[in-house]
Amino acid sequence: MEIKIEHQPSPEILQKLGVFQWGIWQKEVSKFPWTYDTQETCYFLEGDVIVTPHGGQPVQMGKGDLVTFPVGMSCIWEIKSGVKKHYSFN
């Protein structure tokens, strides 16, 4: 299972996806387990995060990144600086 990241996507891509109409999620510095029951696509407005899939390598992401998490993935989120992101479950 692969986390897909597009760094600094163009405004046209964000508009086409309707990113700015998605909900917003915020979280302070913390570390917690998470499992994706559905695919999530999100766009980071703020923050610095390391997500480590179980059995996989850590992936760093943060402000300006458009990220897709696959359905069924279990991971550990480690939030290094507070996160604010738009998100959509597909």
PDB file of N, CA and C in Angstrom:
ATOM      1  N   MET A   1       0.844  -1.182   0.000  1.00  0.00           N
ATOM      2  CA  MET A   1       0.000   0.000   0.000  1.00  0.00           C
ATOM      3  C   MET A   1       0.886   1.241   0.000  1.00  0.00           C
ATOM      4  N   GLU A   2       0.543   2.147  -0.874  1.00  0.00           N
ATOM      5  CA  GLU A   2       1.408   3.314  -1.080  1.00  0.00           C
ATOM      6  C   GLU A   2       0.670   4.609  -0.773  1.00  0.00           C
ATOM      7  N   ILE A   3       1.347   5.488  -0.062  1.00  0.00           N
ATOM      8  CA  ILE A   3       0.863   6.847   0.161  1.00  0.00           C
ATOM      9  C   ILE A   3       1.321   7.669  -1.033  1.00  0.00           C
ATOM     10  N   LYS A   4       0.381   8.338  -1.699  1.00  0.00           N
ATOM     11  CA  LYS A   4       0.728   9.153  -2.866  1.00  0.00           C
ATOM     12  C   LYS A   4       0.770  10.623  -2.449  1.00  0.00           C
ATOM     13  N   ILE A   5       1.870  11.291  -2.806  1.00  0.00           N
ATOM     14  CA  ILE A   5       2.035  12.704  -2.454  1.00  0.00           C
ATOM     15  C   ILE A   5       2.351  13.510  -3.708  1.00  0.00           C
ATOM     16  N   GLU A   6       1.613  14.599  -3.877  1.00  0.00           N
ATOM     17  CA  GLU A   6       1.939  15.572  -4.910  1.00  0.00           C
ATOM     18  C   GLU A   6       2.319  16.858  -4.180  1.00  0.00           C
ATOM     19  N   HIS A   7       3.593  17.243  -4.301  1.00  0.00           N
ATOM     20  CA  HIS A   7       4.091  18.448  -3.651  1.00  0.00           C
ATOM     21  C   HIS A   7       3.693  19.676  -4.459  1.00  0.00           C
ATOM     22  N   GLN A   8       3.128  20.666  -3.778  1.00  0.00           N
ATOM     23  CA  GLN A   8       2.767  21.949  -4.393  1.00  0.00           C
ATOM     24  C   GLN A   8       1.954  21.775  -5.684  1.00  0.00           C
ATOM     25  N   PRO A   9       0.791  21.112  -5.605  1.00  0.00           N
ATOM     26  CA  PRO A   9      -0.031  20.975  -6.815  1.00  0.00           C
ATOM     27  C   PRO A   9      -0.498  22.344  -7.298  1.00  0.00           C
ATOM     28  N   SER A  10      -0.775  22.438  -8.585  1.00  0.00           N
ATOM     29  CA  SER A  10      -1.189  23.725  -9.165  1.00  0.00           C
ATOM     30  C   SER A  10      -2.576  24.117  -8.661  1.00  0.00           C
ATOM     31  N   PRO A  11      -2.857  25.426  -8.661  1.00  0.00           N
ATOM     32  CA  PRO A  11      -4.199  25.889  -8.283  1.00  0.00           C
ATOM     33  C   PRO A  11      -5.293  25.247  -9.143  1.00  0.00           C
ATOM     34  N   GLU A  12      -4.971  24.947 -10.406  1.00  0.00           N
ATOM     35  CA  GLU A  12      -5.953  24.331 -11.307  1.00  0.00           C
ATOM     36  C   GLU A  12      -6.327  22.925 -10.827  1.00  0.00           C
ATOM     37  N   ILE A  13      -5.341  22.168 -10.370  1.00  0.00           N
ATOM     38  CA  ILE A  13      -5.611  20.819  -9.851  1.00  0.00           C
ATOM     39  C   ILE A  13      -6.471  20.904  -8.594  1.00  0.00           C
ATOM     40  N   LEU A  14      -6.113  21.805  -7.694  1.00  0.00           N
ATOM     41  CA  LEU A  14      -6.880  21.954  -6.453  1.00  0.00           C
ATOM     42  C   LEU A  14      -8.319  22.372  -6.743  1.00  0.00           C
ATOM     43  N   GLN A  15      -8.493  23.277  -7.703  1.00  0.00           N
ATOM     44  CA  GLN A  15      -9.835  23.735  -8.060  1.00  0.00           C
ATOM     45  C   GLN A  15     -10.638  22.601  -8.693  1.00  0.00           C
ATOM     46  N   LYS A  16     -10.002  21.840  -9.587  1.00  0.00           N
ATOM     47  CA  LYS A  16     -10.683  20.725 -10.257  1.00  0.00           C
ATOM     48  C   LYS A  16     -11.180  19.694  -9.241  1.00  0.00           C
ATOM     49  N   LEU A  17     -10.378  19.434  -8.210  1.00  0.00           N
ATOM     50  CA  LEU A  17     -10.756  18.472  -7.168  1.00  0.00           C
ATOM     51  C   LEU A  17     -11.783  19.044  -6.186  1.00  0.00           C
ATOM     52  N   GLY A  18     -11.935  20.368  -6.173  1.00  0.00           N
ATOM     53  CA  GLY A  18     -12.852  21.001  -5.233  1.00  0.00           C
ATOM     54  C   GLY A  18     -12.322  21.023  -3.804  1.00  0.00           C
ATOM     55  N   VAL A  19     -10.999  21.036  -3.672  1.00  0.00           N
ATOM     56  CA  VAL A  19     -10.338  20.920  -2.365  1.00  0.00           C
ATOM     57  C   VAL A  19     -10.869  21.920  -1.338  1.00  0.00           C
ATOM     58  N   PHE A  20     -11.108  23.152  -1.765  1.00  0.00           N
ATOM     59  CA  PHE A  20     -11.465  24.183  -0.795  1.00  0.00           C
ATOM     60  C   PHE A  20     -12.929  24.104  -0.340  1.00  0.00           C
ATOM     61  N   GLN A  21     -13.677  23.145  -0.887  1.00  0.00           N
ATOM     62  CA  GLN A  21     -15.035  22.875  -0.401  1.00  0.00           C
ATOM     63  C   GLN A  21     -15.044  21.686   0.574  1.00  0.00           C
ATOM     64  N   TRP A  22     -13.922  20.987   0.701  1.00  0.00           N
ATOM     65  CA  TRP A  22     -13.836  19.843   1.613  1.00  0.00           C
ATOM     66  C   TRP A  22     -13.824  20.321   3.065  1.00  0.00           C
ATOM     67  N   GLY A  23     -14.105  19.401   3.977  1.00  0.00           N
ATOM     68  CA  GLY A  23     -14.034  19.707   5.402  1.00  0.00           C
ATOM     69  C   GLY A  23     -12.602  20.018   5.826  1.00  0.00           C
ATOM     70  N   ILE A  24     -12.478  20.585   7.030  1.00  0.00           N
ATOM     71  CA  ILE A  24     -11.152  20.895   7.581  1.00  0.00           C
ATOM     72  C   ILE A  24     -10.955  20.098   8.868  1.00  0.00           C
ATOM     73  N   TRP A  25      -9.770  19.532   9.015  1.00  0.00           N
ATOM     74  CA  TRP A  25      -9.382  18.783  10.218  1.00  0.00           C
ATOM     75  C   TRP A  25      -8.126  19.434  10.775  1.00  0.00           C
ATOM     76  N   GLN A  26      -8.107  19.611  12.099  1.00  0.00           N
ATOM     77  CA  GLN A  26      -6.944  20.190  12.765  1.00  0.00           C
ATOM     78  C   GLN A  26      -6.544  19.298  13.929  1.00  0.00           C
ATOM     79  N   LYS A  27      -5.237  19.244  14.191  1.00  0.00           N
ATOM     80  CA  LYS A  27      -4.729  18.413  15.291  1.00  0.00           C
ATOM     81  C   LYS A  27      -3.402  18.981  15.774  1.00  0.00           C
ATOM     82  N   GLU A  28      -3.240  18.975  17.092  1.00  0.00           N
ATOM     83  CA  GLU A  28      -2.014  19.465  17.710  1.00  0.00           C
ATOM     84  C   GLU A  28      -0.911  18.401  17.622  1.00  0.00           C
ATOM     85  N   VAL A  29       0.287  18.776  18.049  1.00  0.00           N
ATOM     86  CA  VAL A  29       1.422  17.855  18.092  1.00  0.00           C
ATOM     87  C   VAL A  29       1.004  16.614  18.884  1.00  0.00           C
ATOM     88  N   SER A  30       1.175  15.441  18.280  1.00  0.00           N
ATOM     89  CA  SER A  30       0.744  14.194  18.912  1.00  0.00           C
ATOM     90  C   SER A  30       1.249  13.003  18.100  1.00  0.00           C
ATOM     91  N   LYS A  31       0.992  11.805  18.616  1.00  0.00           N
ATOM     92  CA  LYS A  31       1.349  10.564  17.928  1.00  0.00           C
ATOM     93  C   LYS A  31       0.235   9.565  18.208  1.00  0.00           C
ATOM     94  N   PHE A  32      -0.293   8.930  17.137  1.00  0.00           N
ATOM     95  CA  PHE A  32      -1.427   8.019  17.317  1.00  0.00           C
ATOM     96  C   PHE A  32      -1.527   7.038  16.148  1.00  0.00           C
ATOM     97  N   PRO A  33      -2.141   5.863  16.392  1.00  0.00           N
ATOM     98  CA  PRO A  33      -2.371   4.895  15.319  1.00  0.00           C
ATOM     99  C   PRO A  33      -3.636   5.265  14.539  1.00  0.00           C
ATOM    100  N   TRP A  34      -3.673   4.872  13.265  1.00  0.00           N
ATOM    101  CA  TRP A  34      -4.852   5.125  12.438  1.00  0.00           C
ATOM    102  C   TRP A  34      -4.974   4.036  11.379  1.00  0.00           C
ATOM    103  N   THR A  35      -6.204   3.655  11.061  1.00  0.00           N
ATOM    104  CA  THR A  35      -6.479   2.727   9.972  1.00  0.00           C
ATOM    105  C   THR A  35      -7.501   3.370   9.048  1.00  0.00           C
ATOM    106  N   TYR A  36      -7.234   3.321   7.748  1.00  0.00           N
ATOM    107  CA  TYR A  36      -8.120   3.928   6.753  1.00  0.00           C
ATOM    108  C   TYR A  36      -9.150   2.913   6.282  1.00  0.00           C
ATOM    109  N   ASP A  37     -10.429   3.159   6.653  1.00  0.00           N
ATOM    110  CA  ASP A  37     -11.534   2.300   6.221  1.00  0.00           C
ATOM    111  C   ASP A  37     -11.955   2.633   4.795  1.00  0.00           C
ATOM    112  N   THR A  38     -11.677   3.868   4.381  1.00  0.00           N
ATOM    113  CA  THR A  38     -11.921   4.318   3.013  1.00  0.00           C
ATOM    114  C   THR A  38     -10.709   5.138   2.579  1.00  0.00           C
ATOM    115  N   GLN A  39     -10.564   5.321   1.276  1.00  0.00           N
ATOM    116  CA  GLN A  39      -9.466   6.150   0.778  1.00  0.00           C
ATOM    117  C   GLN A  39      -9.680   7.594   1.217  1.00  0.00           C
ATOM    118  N   GLU A  40      -8.609   8.253   1.637  1.00  0.00           N
ATOM    119  CA  GLU A  40      -8.678   9.673   1.984  1.00  0.00           C
ATOM    120  C   GLU A  40      -7.718  10.449   1.107  1.00  0.00           C
ATOM    121  N   THR A  41      -8.200  11.578   0.595  1.00  0.00           N
ATOM    122  CA  THR A  41      -7.342  12.542  -0.075  1.00  0.00           C
ATOM    123  C   THR A  41      -7.388  13.816   0.759  1.00  0.00           C
ATOM    124  N   CYS A  42      -6.228  14.408   0.997  1.00  0.00           N
ATOM    125  CA  CYS A  42      -6.194  15.622   1.809  1.00  0.00           C
ATOM    126  C   CYS A  42      -5.156  16.593   1.258  1.00  0.00           C
ATOM    127  N   TYR A  43      -5.356  17.857   1.617  1.00  0.00           N
ATOM    128  CA  TYR A  43      -4.440  18.922   1.211  1.00  0.00           C
ATOM    129  C   TYR A  43      -4.042  19.682   2.467  1.00  0.00           C
ATOM    130  N   PHE A  44      -2.744  19.676   2.772  1.00  0.00           N
ATOM    131  CA  PHE A  44      -2.226  20.287   3.995  1.00  0.00           C
ATOM    132  C   PHE A  44      -2.083  21.802   3.845  1.00  0.00           C
ATOM    133  N   LEU A  45      -2.763  22.535   4.724  1.00  0.00           N
ATOM    134  CA  LEU A  45      -2.641  23.990   4.794  1.00  0.00           C
ATOM    135  C   LEU A  45      -1.528  24.394   5.759  1.00  0.00           C
ATOM    136  N   GLU A  46      -1.336  23.558   6.804  1.00  0.00           N
ATOM    137  CA  GLU A  46      -0.312  23.791   7.820  1.00  0.00           C
ATOM    138  C   GLU A  46       0.165  22.445   8.328  1.00  0.00           C
ATOM    139  N   GLY A  47       1.360  22.449   8.917  1.00  0.00           N
ATOM    140  CA  GLY A  47       1.822  21.272   9.635  1.00  0.00           C
ATOM    141  C   GLY A  47       3.004  20.557   9.031  1.00  0.00           C
ATOM    142  N   ASP A  48       3.503  19.637   9.832  1.00  0.00           N
ATOM    143  CA  ASP A  48       4.616  18.773   9.473  1.00  0.00           C
ATOM    144  C   ASP A  48       4.330  17.421  10.121  1.00  0.00           C
ATOM    145  N   VAL A  49       4.237  16.366   9.304  1.00  0.00           N
ATOM    146  CA  VAL A  49       3.791  15.057   9.766  1.00  0.00           C
ATOM    147  C   VAL A  49       4.685  13.967   9.199  1.00  0.00           C
ATOM    148  N   ILE A  50       4.892  12.921   9.993  1.00  0.00           N
ATOM    149  CA  ILE A  50       5.515  11.694   9.501  1.00  0.00           C
ATOM    150  C   ILE A  50       4.487  10.587   9.696  1.00  0.00           C
ATOM    151  N   VAL A  51       4.123   9.921   8.591  1.00  0.00           N
ATOM    152  CA  VAL A  51       3.183   8.805   8.643  1.00  0.00           C
ATOM    153  C   VAL A  51       3.969   7.539   8.305  1.00  0.00           C
ATOM    154  N   THR A  52       3.896   6.551   9.211  1.00  0.00           N
ATOM    155  CA  THR A  52       4.614   5.298   9.003  1.00  0.00           C
ATOM    156  C   THR A  52       3.615   4.160   8.855  1.00  0.00           C
ATOM    157  N   PRO A  53       3.455   3.638   7.624  1.00  0.00           N
ATOM    158  CA  PRO A  53       2.572   2.490   7.424  1.00  0.00           C
ATOM    159  C   PRO A  53       3.136   1.268   8.148  1.00  0.00           C
ATOM    160  N   HIS A  54       2.258   0.440   8.721  1.00  0.00           N
ATOM    161  CA  HIS A  54       2.724  -0.782   9.376  1.00  0.00           C
ATOM    162  C   HIS A  54       3.482  -1.627   8.357  1.00  0.00           C
ATOM    163  N   GLY A  55       4.721  -1.955   8.684  1.00  0.00           N
ATOM    164  CA  GLY A  55       5.564  -2.741   7.791  1.00  0.00           C
ATOM    165  C   GLY A  55       6.194  -1.940   6.673  1.00  0.00           C
ATOM    166  N   GLY A  56       6.054  -0.610   6.722  1.00  0.00           N
ATOM    167  CA  GLY A  56       6.597   0.220   5.641  1.00  0.00           C
ATOM    168  C   GLY A  56       7.540   1.284   6.151  1.00  0.00           C
ATOM    169  N   GLN A  57       7.975   2.131   5.238  1.00  0.00           N
ATOM    170  CA  GLN A  57       8.907   3.205   5.541  1.00  0.00           C
ATOM    171  C   GLN A  57       8.152   4.483   5.904  1.00  0.00           C
ATOM    172  N   PRO A  58       8.730   5.313   6.797  1.00  0.00           N
ATOM    173  CA  PRO A  58       8.108   6.592   7.147  1.00  0.00           C
ATOM    174  C   PRO A  58       8.019   7.515   5.928  1.00  0.00           C
ATOM    175  N   VAL A  59       6.920   8.265   5.859  1.00  0.00           N
ATOM    176  CA  VAL A  59       6.699   9.215   4.774  1.00  0.00           C
ATOM    177  C   VAL A  59       6.437  10.581   5.402  1.00  0.00           C
ATOM    178  N   GLN A  60       7.229  11.590   5.003  1.00  0.00           N
ATOM    179  CA  GLN A  60       7.068  12.937   5.538  1.00  0.00           C
ATOM    180  C   GLN A  60       6.179  13.745   4.612  1.00  0.00           C
ATOM    181  N   MET A  61       5.294  14.553   5.226  1.00  0.00           N
ATOM    182  CA  MET A  61       4.384  15.398   4.458  1.00  0.00           C
ATOM    183  C   MET A  61       4.056  16.629   5.273  1.00  0.00           C
ATOM    184  N   GLY A  62       3.518  17.642   4.597  1.00  0.00           N
ATOM    185  CA  GLY A  62       3.165  18.863   5.310  1.00  0.00           C
ATOM    186  C   GLY A  62       2.601  19.918   4.392  1.00  0.00           C
ATOM    187  N   LYS A  63       2.716  21.162   4.822  1.00  0.00           N
ATOM    188  CA  LYS A  63       2.110  22.301   4.137  1.00  0.00           C
ATOM    189  C   LYS A  63       2.357  22.261   2.634  1.00  0.00           C
ATOM    190  N   GLY A  64       1.243  22.390   1.869  1.00  0.00           N
ATOM    191  CA  GLY A  64       1.334  22.426   0.416  1.00  0.00           C
ATOM    192  C   GLY A  64       1.281  21.068  -0.252  1.00  0.00           C
ATOM    193  N   ASP A  65       1.159  19.983   0.524  1.00  0.00           N
ATOM    194  CA  ASP A  65       1.129  18.639  -0.062  1.00  0.00           C
ATOM    195  C   ASP A  65      -0.300  18.141  -0.242  1.00  0.00           C
ATOM    196  N   LEU A  66      -0.560  17.537  -1.401  1.00  0.00           N
ATOM    197  CA  LEU A  66      -1.807  16.847  -1.693  1.00  0.00           C
ATOM    198  C   LEU A  66      -1.508  15.361  -1.537  1.00  0.00           C
ATOM    199  N   VAL A  67      -2.180  14.705  -0.596  1.00  0.00           N
ATOM    200  CA  VAL A  67      -1.818  13.339  -0.208  1.00  0.00           C
ATOM    201  C   VAL A  67      -3.027  12.416  -0.315  1.00  0.00           C
ATOM    202  N   THR A  68      -2.797  11.206  -0.831  1.00  0.00           N
ATOM    203  CA  THR A  68      -3.843  10.181  -0.889  1.00  0.00           C
ATOM    204  C   THR A  68      -3.386   8.971  -0.091  1.00  0.00           C
ATOM    205  N   PHE A  69      -4.230   8.574   0.869  1.00  0.00           N
ATOM    206  CA  PHE A  69      -3.987   7.390   1.697  1.00  0.00           C
ATOM    207  C   PHE A  69      -4.891   6.264   1.205  1.00  0.00           C
ATOM    208  N   PRO A  70      -4.338   5.063   0.970  1.00  0.00           N
ATOM    209  CA  PRO A  70      -5.139   3.961   0.430  1.00  0.00           C
ATOM    210  C   PRO A  70      -6.058   3.325   1.470  1.00  0.00           C
ATOM    211  N   VAL A  71      -7.188   2.823   0.991  1.00  0.00           N
ATOM    212  CA  VAL A  71      -8.122   2.098   1.848  1.00  0.00           C
ATOM    213  C   VAL A  71      -7.424   0.871   2.429  1.00  0.00           C
ATOM    214  N   GLY A  72      -7.657   0.610   3.707  1.00  0.00           N
ATOM    215  CA  GLY A  72      -7.100  -0.570   4.361  1.00  0.00           C
ATOM    216  C   GLY A  72      -5.743  -0.367   5.000  1.00  0.00           C
ATOM    217  N   MET A  73      -5.109   0.783   4.792  1.00  0.00           N
ATOM    218  CA  MET A  73      -3.779   1.010   5.352  1.00  0.00           C
ATOM    219  C   MET A  73      -3.859   1.322   6.847  1.00  0.00           C
ATOM    220  N   SER A  74      -3.033   0.648   7.627  1.00  0.00           N
ATOM    221  CA  SER A  74      -2.856   0.971   9.046  1.00  0.00           C
ATOM    222  C   SER A  74      -1.499   1.641   9.193  1.00  0.00           C
ATOM    223  N   CYS A  75      -1.439   2.654  10.059  1.00  0.00           N
ATOM    224  CA  CYS A  75      -0.218   3.444  10.156  1.00  0.00           C
ATOM    225  C   CYS A  75      -0.145   4.130  11.517  1.00  0.00           C
ATOM    226  N   ILE A  76       0.983   4.780  11.738  1.00  0.00           N
ATOM    227  CA  ILE A  76       1.173   5.654  12.897  1.00  0.00           C
ATOM    228  C   ILE A  76       1.372   7.068  12.365  1.00  0.00           C
ATOM    229  N   TRP A  77       0.560   7.995  12.871  1.00  0.00           N
ATOM    230  CA  TRP A  77       0.722   9.424  12.565  1.00  0.00           C
ATOM    231  C   TRP A  77       1.564  10.036  13.666  1.00  0.00           C
ATOM    232  N   GLU A  78       2.609  10.762  13.276  1.00  0.00           N
ATOM    233  CA  GLU A  78       3.409  11.529  14.220  1.00  0.00           C
ATOM    234  C   GLU A  78       3.397  12.982  13.752  1.00  0.00           C
ATOM    235  N   ILE A  79       2.623  13.812  14.455  1.00  0.00           N
ATOM    236  CA  ILE A  79       2.477  15.214  14.091  1.00  0.00           C
ATOM    237  C   ILE A  79       3.567  16.013  14.800  1.00  0.00           C
ATOM    238  N   LYS A  80       4.478  16.573  13.997  1.00  0.00           N
ATOM    239  CA  LYS A  80       5.622  17.327  14.524  1.00  0.00           C
ATOM    240  C   LYS A  80       5.282  18.789  14.776  1.00  0.00           C
ATOM    241  N   SER A  81       4.406  19.352  13.937  1.00  0.00           N
ATOM    242  CA  SER A  81       3.872  20.700  14.178  1.00  0.00           C
ATOM    243  C   SER A  81       2.404  20.674  13.755  1.00  0.00           C
ATOM    244  N   GLY A  82       1.580  21.444  14.470  1.00  0.00           N
ATOM    245  CA  GLY A  82       0.128  21.377  14.320  1.00  0.00           C
ATOM    246  C   GLY A  82      -0.362  21.330  12.882  1.00  0.00           C
ATOM    247  N   VAL A  83      -1.347  20.459  12.644  1.00  0.00           N
ATOM    248  CA  VAL A  83      -1.874  20.211  11.306  1.00  0.00           C
ATOM    249  C   VAL A  83      -3.219  20.904  11.110  1.00  0.00           C
ATOM    250  N   LYS A  84      -3.366  21.466   9.921  1.00  0.00           N
ATOM    251  CA  LYS A  84      -4.656  21.941   9.436  1.00  0.00           C
ATOM    252  C   LYS A  84      -4.730  21.489   7.987  1.00  0.00           C
ATOM    253  N   LYS A  85      -5.775  20.707   7.665  1.00  0.00           N
ATOM    254  CA  LYS A  85      -5.857  20.171   6.300  1.00  0.00           C
ATOM    255  C   LYS A  85      -7.298  20.070   5.852  1.00  0.00           C
ATOM    256  N   HIS A  86      -7.489  20.213   4.533  1.00  0.00           N
ATOM    257  CA  HIS A  86      -8.760  19.879   3.911  1.00  0.00           C
ATOM    258  C   HIS A  86      -8.719  18.375   3.659  1.00  0.00           C
ATOM    259  N   TYR A  87      -9.876  17.708   3.779  1.00  0.00           N
ATOM    260  CA  TYR A  87      -9.882  16.251   3.561  1.00  0.00           C
ATOM    261  C   TYR A  87     -11.175  15.798   2.893  1.00  0.00           C
ATOM    262  N   SER A  88     -11.074  14.676   2.193  1.00  0.00           N
ATOM    263  CA  SER A  88     -12.222  14.063   1.543  1.00  0.00           C
ATOM    264  C   SER A  88     -12.047  12.551   1.583  1.00  0.00           C
ATOM    265  N   PHE A  89     -13.097  11.853   2.014  1.00  0.00           N
ATOM    266  CA  PHE A  89     -13.085  10.392   1.979  1.00  0.00           C
ATOM    267  C   PHE A  89     -13.807   9.957   0.715  1.00  0.00           C
ATOM    268  N   ASN A  90     -13.152   9.104  -0.091  1.00  0.00           N
ATOM    269  CA  ASN A  90     -13.710   8.675  -1.377  1.00  0.00           C
ATOM    270  C   ASN A  90     -14.276   7.281  -1.267  1.00  0.00           C
TER     271      ASN A  90
END
